[in-house]
Amino acid sequence: MLQRIQTVWIFLAILGAVFLFVTGQDISLFGSTPFITIICAVMILVEFFSILSYKNRKRQILLNTISIFINALLLGSLAYWLLTLSGGMQFPEKGIEPFFPFLSMICLFIANVFIRKDDRLVKSVDRLR
């Protein structure tokens, strides 16, 4: 059942993590540690595993919730990075890196809504048997 709508939303969240991986190479949050690279790789793996666990809806919701939490922490750390940069708060100078975790969080939240909707549908059909 990979053709469900929540798979599309999770795939869009994966694309957000990939775009952050590509654009976030110049970000240095904790010295020379590739923090953004590691977190993006973890998010991509968790979200990909979430797509592949379409038969177990509870696990899929749990993995999406974990990914939402990771994205929220990443969004906070990127906001801190933006506030500590020198210069004014002008959009072309600062970058769009915090937009991608926010986009991923919204896509994963919508995917969870559709997963819960499928879960309710399956439970209601089981009651009729």
C-alpha atoms as a PDB file:
ATOM      1  CA  MET A   1       0.000   0.000   0.000  1.00  0.00           C
ATOM      2  CA  LEU A   2       2.752   2.429  -0.881  1.00  0.00           C
ATOM      3  CA  GLN A   3       0.321   4.393  -3.044  1.00  0.00           C
ATOM      4  CA  ARG A   4      -1.468   5.970  -0.066  1.00  0.00           C
ATOM      5  CA  ILE A   5      -1.576   9.754   0.393  1.00  0.00           C
ATOM      6  CA  GLN A   6       0.473   9.653   3.613  1.00  0.00           C
ATOM      7  CA  THR A   7       3.364   8.141   1.652  1.00  0.00           C
ATOM      8  CA  VAL A   8       3.398  11.248  -0.524  1.00  0.00           C
ATOM      9  CA  TRP A   9       3.496  13.492   2.558  1.00  0.00           C
ATOM     10  CA  ILE A  10       6.305  11.455   4.132  1.00  0.00           C
ATOM     11  CA  PHE A  11       8.200  11.592   0.833  1.00  0.00           C
ATOM     12  CA  LEU A  12       7.846  15.392   0.826  1.00  0.00           C
ATOM     13  CA  ALA A  13       9.300  15.404   4.354  1.00  0.00           C
ATOM     14  CA  ILE A  14      12.228  13.335   3.086  1.00  0.00           C
ATOM     15  CA  LEU A  15      12.756  15.896   0.328  1.00  0.00           C
ATOM     16  CA  GLY A  16      12.825  18.644   2.967  1.00  0.00           C
ATOM     17  CA  ALA A  17      15.561  16.763   4.827  1.00  0.00           C
ATOM     18  CA  VAL A  18      17.506  16.223   1.596  1.00  0.00           C
ATOM     19  CA  PHE A  19      17.273  19.918   0.697  1.00  0.00           C
ATOM     20  CA  LEU A  20      18.481  20.842   4.189  1.00  0.00           C
ATOM     21  CA  PHE A  21      21.359  18.391   3.756  1.00  0.00           C
ATOM     22  CA  VAL A  22      22.336  20.062   0.487  1.00  0.00           C
ATOM     23  CA  THR A  23      21.926  23.686   1.592  1.00  0.00           C
ATOM     24  CA  GLY A  24      23.129  23.290   5.168  1.00  0.00           C
ATOM     25  CA  GLN A  25      26.747  22.405   4.435  1.00  0.00           C
ATOM     26  CA  ASP A  26      28.026  25.843   5.464  1.00  0.00           C
ATOM     27  CA  ILE A  27      26.332  25.834   8.884  1.00  0.00           C
ATOM     28  CA  SER A  28      28.620  25.398  11.868  1.00  0.00           C
ATOM     29  CA  LEU A  29      26.644  25.067  15.078  1.00  0.00           C
ATOM     30  CA  PHE A  30      29.024  23.183  17.363  1.00  0.00           C
ATOM     31  CA  GLY A  31      32.461  23.899  16.026  1.00  0.00           C
ATOM     32  CA  SER A  32      33.677  21.593  13.291  1.00  0.00           C
ATOM     33  CA  THR A  33      31.185  18.805  14.029  1.00  0.00           C
ATOM     34  CA  PRO A  34      28.953  18.096  10.992  1.00  0.00           C
ATOM     35  CA  PHE A  35      25.816  18.367  13.134  1.00  0.00           C
ATOM     36  CA  ILE A  36      23.403  19.186  10.304  1.00  0.00           C
ATOM     37  CA  THR A  37      24.739  16.370   8.114  1.00  0.00           C
ATOM     38  CA  ILE A  38      24.325  13.761  10.839  1.00  0.00           C
ATOM     39  CA  ILE A  39      20.832  14.916  11.835  1.00  0.00           C
ATOM     40  CA  CYS A  40      19.675  15.039   8.198  1.00  0.00           C
ATOM     41  CA  ALA A  41      20.965  11.507   7.582  1.00  0.00           C
ATOM     42  CA  VAL A  42      19.135  10.249  10.684  1.00  0.00           C
ATOM     43  CA  MET A  43      15.914  11.991   9.620  1.00  0.00           C
ATOM     44  CA  ILE A  44      16.108  10.542   6.108  1.00  0.00           C
ATOM     45  CA  LEU A  45      16.600   7.031   7.486  1.00  0.00           C
ATOM     46  CA  VAL A  46      13.773   7.332  10.022  1.00  0.00           C
ATOM     47  CA  GLU A  47      11.355   8.734   7.461  1.00  0.00           C
ATOM     48  CA  PHE A  48      12.317   6.129   4.856  1.00  0.00           C
ATOM     49  CA  PHE A  49      11.780   3.370   7.428  1.00  0.00           C
ATOM     50  CA  SER A  50       8.428   4.981   8.189  1.00  0.00           C
ATOM     51  CA  ILE A  51       7.415   4.690   4.540  1.00  0.00           C
ATOM     52  CA  LEU A  52       8.415   1.026   4.490  1.00  0.00           C
ATOM     53  CA  SER A  53       6.432   0.204   7.643  1.00  0.00           C
ATOM     54  CA  TYR A  54       3.071   0.891   6.022  1.00  0.00           C
ATOM     55  CA  LYS A  55       1.549  -2.330   7.417  1.00  0.00           C
ATOM     56  CA  ASN A  56       2.138  -1.284  11.021  1.00  0.00           C
ATOM     57  CA  ARG A  57       0.330   2.034  11.397  1.00  0.00           C
ATOM     58  CA  LYS A  58       1.237   2.503  15.078  1.00  0.00           C
ATOM     59  CA  ARG A  59       4.943   2.188  14.298  1.00  0.00           C
ATOM     60  CA  GLN A  60       4.533   4.582  11.381  1.00  0.00           C
ATOM     61  CA  ILE A  61       2.882   7.182  13.630  1.00  0.00           C
ATOM     62  CA  LEU A  62       5.629   6.692  16.232  1.00  0.00           C
ATOM     63  CA  LEU A  63       8.407   7.121  13.667  1.00  0.00           C
ATOM     64  CA  ASN A  64       6.735  10.231  12.264  1.00  0.00           C
ATOM     65  CA  THR A  65       6.379  11.668  15.772  1.00  0.00           C
ATOM     66  CA  ILE A  66      10.066  10.997  16.472  1.00  0.00           C
ATOM     67  CA  SER A  67      10.953  12.720  13.207  1.00  0.00           C
ATOM     68  CA  ILE A  68       8.725  15.697  14.095  1.00  0.00           C
ATOM     69  CA  PHE A  69      10.567  15.980  17.422  1.00  0.00           C
ATOM     70  CA  ILE A  70      13.972  15.842  15.687  1.00  0.00           C
ATOM     71  CA  ASN A  71      12.809  18.487  13.210  1.00  0.00           C
ATOM     72  CA  ALA A  72      11.641  20.727  16.069  1.00  0.00           C
ATOM     73  CA  LEU A  73      15.051  20.460  17.765  1.00  0.00           C
ATOM     74  CA  LEU A  74      16.757  21.156  14.458  1.00  0.00           C
ATOM     75  CA  LEU A  75      14.501  24.145  13.818  1.00  0.00           C
ATOM     76  CA  GLY A  76      15.383  25.562  17.240  1.00  0.00           C
ATOM     77  CA  SER A  77      19.105  25.091  16.677  1.00  0.00           C
ATOM     78  CA  LEU A  78      18.885  26.715  13.232  1.00  0.00           C
ATOM     79  CA  ALA A  79      16.963  29.649  14.712  1.00  0.00           C
ATOM     80  CA  TYR A  80      19.731  30.023  17.302  1.00  0.00           C
ATOM     81  CA  TRP A  81      22.292  29.916  14.480  1.00  0.00           C
ATOM     82  CA  LEU A  82      20.412  32.653  12.601  1.00  0.00           C
ATOM     83  CA  LEU A  83      20.221  34.873  15.669  1.00  0.00           C
ATOM     84  CA  THR A  84      23.928  34.554  16.418  1.00  0.00           C
ATOM     85  CA  LEU A  85      25.082  35.408  12.895  1.00  0.00           C
ATOM     86  CA  SER A  86      26.452  38.855  12.418  1.00  0.00           C
ATOM     87  CA  GLY A  87      24.618  41.328  10.242  1.00  0.00           C
ATOM     88  CA  GLY A  88      20.985  42.250   9.946  1.00  0.00           C
ATOM     89  CA  MET A  89      18.020  39.964   9.514  1.00  0.00           C
ATOM     90  CA  GLN A  90      17.904  40.211   5.749  1.00  0.00           C
ATOM     91  CA  PHE A  91      16.589  37.185   3.882  1.00  0.00           C
ATOM     92  CA  PRO A  92      19.172  36.851   1.061  1.00  0.00           C
ATOM     93  CA  GLU A  93      22.100  37.095   3.452  1.00  0.00           C
ATOM     94  CA  LYS A  94      20.867  34.603   6.030  1.00  0.00           C
ATOM     95  CA  GLY A  95      19.590  31.643   4.016  1.00  0.00           C
ATOM     96  CA  ILE A  96      16.493  29.495   3.978  1.00  0.00           C
ATOM     97  CA  GLU A  97      17.734  26.548   6.038  1.00  0.00           C
ATOM     98  CA  PRO A  98      15.114  26.846   8.849  1.00  0.00           C
ATOM     99  CA  PHE A  99      12.315  26.593   6.291  1.00  0.00           C
ATOM    100  CA  PHE A 100      13.080  22.945   5.469  1.00  0.00           C
ATOM    101  CA  PRO A 101      12.596  21.459   8.985  1.00  0.00           C
ATOM    102  CA  PHE A 102       9.403  23.507   9.309  1.00  0.00           C
ATOM    103  CA  LEU A 103       8.159  22.121   5.982  1.00  0.00           C
ATOM    104  CA  SER A 104       9.052  18.584   7.060  1.00  0.00           C
ATOM    105  CA  MET A 105       7.203  19.001  10.361  1.00  0.00           C
ATOM    106  CA  ILE A 106       4.035  20.140   8.586  1.00  0.00           C
ATOM    107  CA  CYS A 107       4.221  17.287   6.054  1.00  0.00           C
ATOM    108  CA  LEU A 108       4.741  14.687   8.785  1.00  0.00           C
ATOM    109  CA  PHE A 109       1.862  16.094  10.820  1.00  0.00           C
ATOM    110  CA  ILE A 110      -0.451  15.842   7.800  1.00  0.00           C
ATOM    111  CA  ALA A 111       0.810  12.281   7.165  1.00  0.00           C
ATOM    112  CA  ASN A 112      -0.046  11.367  10.767  1.00  0.00           C
ATOM    113  CA  VAL A 113      -3.568  12.743  10.283  1.00  0.00           C
ATOM    114  CA  PHE A 114      -4.074  10.511   7.248  1.00  0.00           C
ATOM    115  CA  ILE A 115      -2.555   7.477   9.001  1.00  0.00           C
ATOM    116  CA  ARG A 116      -4.959   7.922  11.929  1.00  0.00           C
ATOM    117  CA  LYS A 117      -7.814   8.280   9.457  1.00  0.00           C
ATOM    118  CA  ASP A 118      -6.835   4.961   7.826  1.00  0.00           C
ATOM    119  CA  ASP A 119      -6.541   3.350  11.251  1.00  0.00           C
ATOM    120  CA  ARG A 120     -10.065   4.452  12.183  1.00  0.00           C
ATOM    121  CA  LEU A 121     -11.362   3.149   8.858  1.00  0.00           C
ATOM    122  CA  VAL A 122      -9.756  -0.261   9.362  1.00  0.00           C
ATOM    123  CA  LYS A 123     -11.092  -0.498  12.924  1.00  0.00           C
ATOM    124  CA  SER A 124     -14.605   0.408  11.797  1.00  0.00           C
ATOM    125  CA  VAL A 125     -14.535  -2.259   9.078  1.00  0.00           C
ATOM    126  CA  ASP A 126     -13.335  -4.845  11.604  1.00  0.00           C
ATOM    127  CA  ARG A 127     -16.294  -4.023  13.848  1.00  0.00           C
ATOM    128  CA  LEU A 128     -18.718  -4.915  11.080  1.00  0.00           C
ATOM    129  CA  ARG A 129     -17.412  -8.456  10.646  1.00  0.00           C
END
